[in-house]
Amino acid sequence: MHQLAFVLETQMPLIQDKLMFWPTMTFCLRVAHFGVDFTFKFLQR
C-alpha cells in the first residue's frame, strides 16, 4: 500500500496524462468517419 501511495504522490502528472490520453484516443478511433467498423456483421449463407 505504501508503494502505491508513493507512486501516486510522485507520478501524478504522468498518471493524469495517461488517464486523459487513452480514453480520448479510444473514443476518437470509434468515430464512424475514421472508417472503423465495430459492428462485425457477417453475411449469412
N, C-alpha and C. Protein backbone atom coordinates (compact mmCIF):
# COMPACT_ATOMS: atom_id res chain seq x y z
N MET A 1 0.83 -1.18 0.00
CA MET A 1 0.00 0.00 0.00
C MET A 1 0.88 1.26 0.00
N HIS A 2 2.01 1.18 0.68
CA HIS A 2 2.92 2.33 0.71
C HIS A 2 3.51 2.60 -0.66
N GLN A 3 3.77 1.52 -1.42
CA GLN A 3 4.32 1.71 -2.76
C GLN A 3 3.31 2.41 -3.67
N LEU A 4 2.06 2.02 -3.56
CA LEU A 4 1.02 2.67 -4.36
C LEU A 4 0.89 4.15 -4.00
N ALA A 5 0.92 4.46 -2.72
CA ALA A 5 0.84 5.85 -2.28
C ALA A 5 2.04 6.65 -2.78
N PHE A 6 3.21 6.04 -2.75
CA PHE A 6 4.43 6.72 -3.22
C PHE A 6 4.32 7.03 -4.72
N VAL A 7 3.89 6.05 -5.49
CA VAL A 7 3.77 6.26 -6.94
C VAL A 7 2.73 7.33 -7.24
N LEU A 8 1.60 7.28 -6.55
CA LEU A 8 0.57 8.28 -6.80
C LEU A 8 1.02 9.68 -6.43
N GLU A 9 1.83 9.80 -5.40
CA GLU A 9 2.33 11.11 -5.00
C GLU A 9 3.39 11.64 -5.95
N THR A 10 4.28 10.77 -6.41
CA THR A 10 5.42 11.24 -7.21
C THR A 10 5.13 11.28 -8.70
N GLN A 11 4.22 10.47 -9.18
CA GLN A 11 3.98 10.36 -10.62
C GLN A 11 2.59 10.85 -11.04
N MET A 12 1.94 11.63 -10.23
CA MET A 12 0.56 12.01 -10.50
C MET A 12 0.37 12.74 -11.84
N PRO A 13 1.23 13.67 -12.25
CA PRO A 13 1.02 14.30 -13.56
C PRO A 13 1.08 13.29 -14.71
N LEU A 14 1.99 12.35 -14.64
CA LEU A 14 2.11 11.33 -15.68
C LEU A 14 0.87 10.43 -15.71
N ILE A 15 0.38 10.05 -14.55
CA ILE A 15 -0.82 9.21 -14.47
C ILE A 15 -2.03 9.96 -15.01
N GLN A 16 -2.16 11.23 -14.67
CA GLN A 16 -3.29 12.02 -15.17
C GLN A 16 -3.23 12.17 -16.68
N ASP A 17 -2.03 12.36 -17.23
CA ASP A 17 -1.89 12.45 -18.68
C ASP A 17 -2.36 11.18 -19.36
N LYS A 18 -1.94 10.04 -18.81
CA LYS A 18 -2.34 8.76 -19.41
C LYS A 18 -3.83 8.52 -19.28
N LEU A 19 -4.41 8.92 -18.15
CA LEU A 19 -5.85 8.73 -17.95
C LEU A 19 -6.68 9.63 -18.86
N MET A 20 -6.11 10.74 -19.32
CA MET A 20 -6.82 11.60 -20.25
C MET A 20 -6.56 11.20 -21.70
N PHE A 21 -5.36 10.71 -21.99
CA PHE A 21 -4.97 10.40 -23.37
C PHE A 21 -5.68 9.16 -23.92
N TRP A 22 -5.66 8.06 -23.18
CA TRP A 22 -6.18 6.80 -23.72
C TRP A 22 -7.69 6.81 -23.94
N PRO A 23 -8.51 7.33 -23.03
CA PRO A 23 -9.95 7.39 -23.37
C PRO A 23 -10.22 8.29 -24.58
N THR A 24 -9.46 9.38 -24.70
CA THR A 24 -9.63 10.27 -25.85
C THR A 24 -9.32 9.54 -27.14
N MET A 25 -8.21 8.81 -27.17
CA MET A 25 -7.84 8.05 -28.36
C MET A 25 -8.86 6.95 -28.65
N THR A 26 -9.34 6.29 -27.62
CA THR A 26 -10.31 5.22 -27.82
C THR A 26 -11.60 5.76 -28.42
N PHE A 27 -12.08 6.88 -27.91
CA PHE A 27 -13.32 7.45 -28.44
C PHE A 27 -13.12 8.00 -29.85
N CYS A 28 -11.96 8.55 -30.14
CA CYS A 28 -11.70 9.08 -31.48
C CYS A 28 -11.66 7.96 -32.52
N LEU A 29 -11.09 6.83 -32.16
CA LEU A 29 -10.99 5.74 -33.13
C LEU A 29 -12.33 5.06 -33.38
N ARG A 30 -13.29 5.26 -32.50
CA ARG A 30 -14.60 4.65 -32.69
C ARG A 30 -15.54 5.52 -33.52
N VAL A 31 -15.11 6.72 -33.85
CA VAL A 31 -15.95 7.62 -34.64
C VAL A 31 -16.10 7.05 -36.06
N ALA A 32 -17.30 7.11 -36.61
CA ALA A 32 -17.60 6.47 -37.89
C ALA A 32 -16.79 7.04 -39.05
N HIS A 33 -16.47 8.32 -39.05
CA HIS A 33 -15.77 8.89 -40.20
C HIS A 33 -14.31 8.46 -40.29
N PHE A 34 -13.80 7.74 -39.31
CA PHE A 34 -12.46 7.16 -39.42
C PHE A 34 -12.50 5.83 -40.15
N GLY A 35 -13.69 5.33 -40.44
CA GLY A 35 -13.82 4.10 -41.21
C GLY A 35 -13.68 2.83 -40.40
N VAL A 36 -13.67 2.90 -39.10
CA VAL A 36 -13.55 1.72 -38.27
C VAL A 36 -14.95 1.18 -38.00
N ASP A 37 -15.16 -0.09 -38.33
CA ASP A 37 -16.48 -0.70 -38.16
C ASP A 37 -16.40 -1.78 -37.09
N PHE A 38 -17.04 -1.52 -35.95
CA PHE A 38 -17.03 -2.48 -34.85
C PHE A 38 -18.32 -3.29 -34.77
N THR A 39 -19.16 -3.25 -35.82
CA THR A 39 -20.42 -3.98 -35.76
C THR A 39 -20.23 -5.46 -36.02
N PHE A 40 -19.22 -5.84 -36.80
CA PHE A 40 -18.90 -7.24 -37.11
C PHE A 40 -20.11 -8.00 -37.63
N LYS A 41 -20.79 -7.44 -38.62
CA LYS A 41 -21.92 -8.13 -39.25
C LYS A 41 -21.38 -8.93 -40.44
N PHE A 42 -21.61 -10.22 -40.41
CA PHE A 42 -21.14 -11.10 -41.46
C PHE A 42 -22.31 -11.59 -42.30
N LEU A 43 -22.05 -11.88 -43.56
CA LEU A 43 -23.09 -12.39 -44.43
C LEU A 43 -23.44 -13.82 -44.05
N GLN A 44 -24.73 -14.10 -43.97
CA GLN A 44 -25.21 -15.45 -43.67
C GLN A 44 -25.53 -16.14 -44.99
N ARG A 45 -25.02 -17.33 -45.21
CA ARG A 45 -25.30 -18.08 -46.44
C ARG A 45 -26.24 -19.20 -46.19
